[in-house]
Amino acid sequence: MSNQRQNAHIMRLNATGTAQGLALVLLEVPDFVLAQYRPLFDARCIKLEFVGGNRFIAARLAVLAAARDAQGQLPHDIAHEAEEWRIALAEFVVADHG
């Protein structure tokens, strides 16, 4: 991923002024950018008092760090938690726009 594309995600992050807007950024940001700039994303969640955003980040990055089984599958609890947070953020974004 180019620095220009990474910077675009960070610019969107910094421009976000609502929890709903941040939820959308978190859903769309590539894993690589989220992992590399986690402190910035976490800080923005804290500034906007968006605890769900911090939990989503933790769950999403836990997926990247998790060992897989012999079939390449994630542990069920890790996969389930990440999916639950993804759904919650997606519903939060829709509620704001709907």
N, C-alpha and C. Protein backbone atom coordinates (compact mmCIF):
# COMPACT_ATOMS: atom_id res chain seq x y z
N MET A 1 0.84 -1.17 0.00
CA MET A 1 0.00 0.00 0.00
C MET A 1 0.89 1.24 0.00
N SER A 2 0.55 2.18 -0.83
CA SER A 2 1.36 3.38 -0.94
C SER A 2 1.17 4.29 0.27
N ASN A 3 2.18 5.11 0.52
CA ASN A 3 2.09 6.08 1.61
C ASN A 3 0.93 7.04 1.39
N GLN A 4 0.68 7.37 0.13
CA GLN A 4 -0.41 8.29 -0.18
C GLN A 4 -1.75 7.71 0.25
N ARG A 5 -1.97 6.43 0.00
CA ARG A 5 -3.22 5.79 0.41
C ARG A 5 -3.31 5.66 1.92
N GLN A 6 -2.18 5.34 2.56
CA GLN A 6 -2.17 5.28 4.02
C GLN A 6 -2.50 6.65 4.60
N ASN A 7 -1.88 7.68 4.05
CA ASN A 7 -2.12 9.04 4.53
C ASN A 7 -3.59 9.45 4.35
N ALA A 8 -4.21 8.99 3.29
CA ALA A 8 -5.63 9.31 3.07
C ALA A 8 -6.49 8.74 4.19
N HIS A 9 -6.17 7.55 4.65
CA HIS A 9 -6.92 6.95 5.76
C HIS A 9 -6.68 7.73 7.05
N ILE A 10 -5.47 8.15 7.28
CA ILE A 10 -5.15 8.91 8.49
C ILE A 10 -5.81 10.29 8.42
N MET A 11 -5.84 10.89 7.25
CA MET A 11 -6.52 12.19 7.10
C MET A 11 -8.02 12.04 7.39
N ARG A 12 -8.63 10.97 6.90
CA ARG A 12 -10.05 10.73 7.20
C ARG A 12 -10.25 10.54 8.70
N LEU A 13 -9.34 9.79 9.31
CA LEU A 13 -9.42 9.56 10.76
C LEU A 13 -9.39 10.89 11.50
N ASN A 14 -8.45 11.73 11.17
CA ASN A 14 -8.29 13.01 11.86
C ASN A 14 -9.43 13.98 11.59
N ALA A 15 -10.08 13.84 10.45
CA ALA A 15 -11.19 14.73 10.09
C ALA A 15 -12.51 14.29 10.71
N THR A 16 -12.56 13.09 11.23
CA THR A 16 -13.79 12.54 11.78
C THR A 16 -14.11 13.18 13.12
N GLY A 17 -15.32 13.72 13.24
CA GLY A 17 -15.71 14.40 14.46
C GLY A 17 -16.83 13.74 15.23
N THR A 18 -17.32 12.60 14.74
CA THR A 18 -18.40 11.90 15.44
C THR A 18 -18.05 10.42 15.58
N ALA A 19 -18.67 9.79 16.55
CA ALA A 19 -18.45 8.35 16.74
C ALA A 19 -18.94 7.57 15.52
N GLN A 20 -20.05 7.99 14.94
CA GLN A 20 -20.57 7.30 13.77
C GLN A 20 -19.61 7.42 12.58
N GLY A 21 -19.06 8.60 12.40
CA GLY A 21 -18.09 8.78 11.33
C GLY A 21 -16.84 7.95 11.56
N LEU A 22 -16.42 7.88 12.81
CA LEU A 22 -15.27 7.07 13.14
C LEU A 22 -15.56 5.59 12.93
N ALA A 23 -16.76 5.16 13.25
CA ALA A 23 -17.14 3.76 13.01
C ALA A 23 -17.00 3.42 11.53
N LEU A 24 -17.43 4.32 10.67
CA LEU A 24 -17.30 4.09 9.23
C LEU A 24 -15.85 4.00 8.82
N VAL A 25 -15.02 4.88 9.33
CA VAL A 25 -13.59 4.83 9.03
C VAL A 25 -13.00 3.50 9.47
N LEU A 26 -13.35 3.08 10.68
CA LEU A 26 -12.82 1.82 11.21
C LEU A 26 -13.25 0.62 10.37
N LEU A 27 -14.47 0.64 9.89
CA LEU A 27 -14.94 -0.46 9.05
C LEU A 27 -14.23 -0.51 7.70
N GLU A 28 -13.82 0.62 7.20
CA GLU A 28 -13.25 0.69 5.85
C GLU A 28 -11.72 0.65 5.81
N VAL A 29 -11.05 0.95 6.90
CA VAL A 29 -9.59 1.02 6.88
C VAL A 29 -8.98 -0.37 6.70
N PRO A 30 -7.96 -0.50 5.87
CA PRO A 30 -7.29 -1.79 5.72
C PRO A 30 -6.61 -2.24 7.02
N ASP A 31 -6.55 -3.54 7.22
CA ASP A 31 -5.93 -4.09 8.42
C ASP A 31 -4.51 -3.57 8.61
N PHE A 32 -3.77 -3.50 7.53
CA PHE A 32 -2.37 -3.06 7.60
C PHE A 32 -2.27 -1.66 8.20
N VAL A 33 -3.11 -0.76 7.74
CA VAL A 33 -3.09 0.62 8.23
C VAL A 33 -3.55 0.67 9.69
N LEU A 34 -4.60 -0.08 10.00
CA LEU A 34 -5.09 -0.11 11.37
C LEU A 34 -4.02 -0.62 12.33
N ALA A 35 -3.33 -1.68 11.93
CA ALA A 35 -2.28 -2.24 12.78
C ALA A 35 -1.10 -1.27 12.93
N GLN A 36 -0.69 -0.68 11.83
CA GLN A 36 0.47 0.21 11.85
C GLN A 36 0.21 1.48 12.66
N TYR A 37 -1.00 1.99 12.58
CA TYR A 37 -1.33 3.26 13.23
C TYR A 37 -2.32 3.09 14.38
N ARG A 38 -2.30 1.92 14.99
CA ARG A 38 -3.26 1.66 16.07
C ARG A 38 -3.28 2.76 17.12
N PRO A 39 -2.15 3.27 17.60
CA PRO A 39 -2.23 4.32 18.62
C PRO A 39 -3.05 5.54 18.18
N LEU A 40 -2.96 5.91 16.91
CA LEU A 40 -3.75 7.05 16.42
C LEU A 40 -5.23 6.73 16.43
N PHE A 41 -5.58 5.51 15.98
CA PHE A 41 -6.98 5.10 15.96
C PHE A 41 -7.55 5.00 17.37
N ASP A 42 -6.77 4.39 18.28
CA ASP A 42 -7.22 4.28 19.67
C ASP A 42 -7.41 5.66 20.29
N ALA A 43 -6.47 6.56 20.04
CA ALA A 43 -6.56 7.91 20.61
C ALA A 43 -7.79 8.64 20.11
N ARG A 44 -8.12 8.46 18.84
CA ARG A 44 -9.30 9.12 18.28
C ARG A 44 -10.57 8.57 18.92
N CYS A 45 -10.60 7.27 19.13
CA CYS A 45 -11.76 6.66 19.81
C CYS A 45 -11.91 7.23 21.21
N ILE A 46 -10.81 7.36 21.92
CA ILE A 46 -10.85 7.90 23.28
C ILE A 46 -11.32 9.35 23.25
N LYS A 47 -10.79 10.13 22.32
CA LYS A 47 -11.18 11.54 22.23
C LYS A 47 -12.68 11.69 21.98
N LEU A 48 -13.24 10.80 21.16
CA LEU A 48 -14.67 10.87 20.84
C LEU A 48 -15.52 10.04 21.80
N GLU A 49 -14.88 9.51 22.85
CA GLU A 49 -15.56 8.68 23.85
C GLU A 49 -16.31 7.52 23.20
N PHE A 50 -15.64 6.87 22.27
CA PHE A 50 -16.22 5.77 21.50
C PHE A 50 -15.55 4.46 21.93
N VAL A 51 -15.97 3.95 23.07
CA VAL A 51 -15.39 2.73 23.62
C VAL A 51 -15.57 1.55 22.66
N GLY A 52 -16.71 1.50 21.99
CA GLY A 52 -16.95 0.42 21.03
C GLY A 52 -15.91 0.41 19.92
N GLY A 53 -15.41 1.57 19.56
CA GLY A 53 -14.37 1.64 18.54
C GLY A 53 -13.08 1.00 19.01
N ASN A 54 -12.70 1.28 20.27
CA ASN A 54 -11.51 0.64 20.82
C ASN A 54 -11.66 -0.87 20.89
N ARG A 55 -12.83 -1.31 21.25
CA ARG A 55 -13.07 -2.76 21.34
C ARG A 55 -13.06 -3.41 19.97
N PHE A 56 -13.61 -2.71 18.97
CA PHE A 56 -13.56 -3.21 17.60
C PHE A 56 -12.12 -3.34 17.13
N ILE A 57 -11.31 -2.33 17.39
CA ILE A 57 -9.90 -2.37 16.99
C ILE A 57 -9.21 -3.58 17.63
N ALA A 58 -9.42 -3.77 18.92
CA ALA A 58 -8.79 -4.89 19.62
C ALA A 58 -9.24 -6.22 19.03
N ALA A 59 -10.53 -6.36 18.75
CA ALA A 59 -11.04 -7.62 18.19
C ALA A 59 -10.50 -7.85 16.78
N ARG A 60 -10.47 -6.80 15.99
CA ARG A 60 -9.99 -6.94 14.61
C ARG A 60 -8.51 -7.30 14.57
N LEU A 61 -7.72 -6.69 15.42
CA LEU A 61 -6.29 -6.99 15.43
C LEU A 61 -6.00 -8.34 16.09
N ALA A 62 -6.89 -8.79 16.96
CA ALA A 62 -6.75 -10.13 17.53
C ALA A 62 -6.86 -11.19 16.44
N VAL A 63 -7.67 -10.92 15.44
CA VAL A 63 -7.80 -11.83 14.30
C VAL A 63 -6.46 -11.96 13.57
N LEU A 64 -5.78 -10.84 13.40
CA LEU A 64 -4.49 -10.87 12.71
C LEU A 64 -3.43 -11.63 13.49
N ALA A 65 -3.49 -11.55 14.80
CA ALA A 65 -2.46 -12.16 15.65
C ALA A 65 -2.75 -13.62 16.00
N ALA A 66 -3.97 -14.07 15.77
CA ALA A 66 -4.38 -15.40 16.23
C ALA A 66 -3.76 -16.52 15.39
N ALA A 67 -3.38 -17.58 16.08
CA ALA A 67 -2.94 -18.80 15.39
C ALA A 67 -4.18 -19.50 14.82
N ARG A 68 -4.00 -20.12 13.69
CA ARG A 68 -5.09 -20.86 13.05
C ARG A 68 -4.94 -22.35 13.35
N ASP A 69 -6.04 -23.08 13.13
CA ASP A 69 -5.96 -24.52 13.29
C ASP A 69 -5.43 -25.16 12.00
N ALA A 70 -5.42 -26.47 11.94
CA ALA A 70 -4.85 -27.19 10.78
C ALA A 70 -5.60 -26.92 9.49
N GLN A 71 -6.83 -26.43 9.59
CA GLN A 71 -7.60 -26.07 8.39
C GLN A 71 -7.54 -24.57 8.08
N GLY A 72 -6.72 -23.85 8.85
CA GLY A 72 -6.58 -22.42 8.63
C GLY A 72 -7.68 -21.58 9.26
N GLN A 73 -8.48 -22.18 10.12
CA GLN A 73 -9.60 -21.48 10.75
C GLN A 73 -9.14 -20.79 12.04
N LEU A 74 -9.76 -19.65 12.32
CA LEU A 74 -9.53 -18.94 13.57
C LEU A 74 -10.20 -19.68 14.72
N PRO A 75 -9.70 -19.49 15.93
CA PRO A 75 -10.45 -19.99 17.09
C PRO A 75 -11.84 -19.35 17.08
N HIS A 76 -12.84 -20.14 17.40
CA HIS A 76 -14.23 -19.68 17.30
C HIS A 76 -14.47 -18.40 18.10
N ASP A 77 -13.95 -18.33 19.33
CA ASP A 77 -14.23 -17.16 20.16
C ASP A 77 -13.67 -15.87 19.56
N ILE A 78 -12.50 -15.95 18.97
CA ILE A 78 -11.89 -14.77 18.35
C ILE A 78 -12.67 -14.35 17.11
N ALA A 79 -13.00 -15.32 16.26
CA ALA A 79 -13.77 -15.02 15.05
C ALA A 79 -15.14 -14.46 15.40
N HIS A 80 -15.78 -15.05 16.40
CA HIS A 80 -17.11 -14.61 16.80
C HIS A 80 -17.10 -13.18 17.35
N GLU A 81 -16.14 -12.89 18.21
CA GLU A 81 -16.07 -11.55 18.80
C GLU A 81 -15.82 -10.49 17.71
N ALA A 82 -14.91 -10.78 16.80
CA ALA A 82 -14.62 -9.83 15.72
C ALA A 82 -15.85 -9.58 14.86
N GLU A 83 -16.58 -10.64 14.56
CA GLU A 83 -17.78 -10.50 13.74
C GLU A 83 -18.87 -9.74 14.49
N GLU A 84 -19.03 -9.99 15.76
CA GLU A 84 -20.02 -9.27 16.56
C GLU A 84 -19.73 -7.77 16.58
N TRP A 85 -18.46 -7.40 16.75
CA TRP A 85 -18.11 -5.99 16.76
C TRP A 85 -18.27 -5.37 15.37
N ARG A 86 -17.97 -6.13 14.32
CA ARG A 86 -18.16 -5.61 12.96
C ARG A 86 -19.63 -5.31 12.72
N ILE A 87 -20.49 -6.23 13.11
CA ILE A 87 -21.93 -6.03 12.95
C ILE A 87 -22.40 -4.83 13.76
N ALA A 88 -21.93 -4.72 14.99
CA ALA A 88 -22.34 -3.60 15.85
C ALA A 88 -21.95 -2.25 15.24
N LEU A 89 -20.74 -2.15 14.74
CA LEU A 89 -20.31 -0.89 14.13
C LEU A 89 -21.10 -0.60 12.86
N ALA A 90 -21.32 -1.62 12.05
CA ALA A 90 -22.09 -1.42 10.82
C ALA A 90 -23.51 -0.94 11.13
N GLU A 91 -24.14 -1.51 12.15
CA GLU A 91 -25.48 -1.08 12.54
C GLU A 91 -25.46 0.34 13.10
N PHE A 92 -24.42 0.68 13.82
CA PHE A 92 -24.27 2.02 14.37
C PHE A 92 -24.17 3.05 13.24
N VAL A 93 -23.42 2.73 12.20
CA VAL A 93 -23.28 3.63 11.05
C VAL A 93 -24.61 3.78 10.34
N VAL A 94 -25.31 2.68 10.12
CA VAL A 94 -26.61 2.71 9.43
C VAL A 94 -27.62 3.51 10.24
N ALA A 95 -27.60 3.36 11.55
CA ALA A 95 -28.55 4.08 12.41
C ALA A 95 -28.34 5.59 12.27
N ASP A 96 -27.09 6.00 12.09
CA ASP A 96 -26.79 7.42 11.94
C ASP A 96 -27.24 7.94 10.58
N HIS A 97 -27.19 7.11 9.57
CA HIS A 97 -27.54 7.54 8.21
C HIS A 97 -28.98 7.18 7.83
N GLY A 98 -29.64 6.41 8.65
CA GLY A 98 -30.96 5.90 8.28
C GLY A 98 -32.06 6.65 8.82
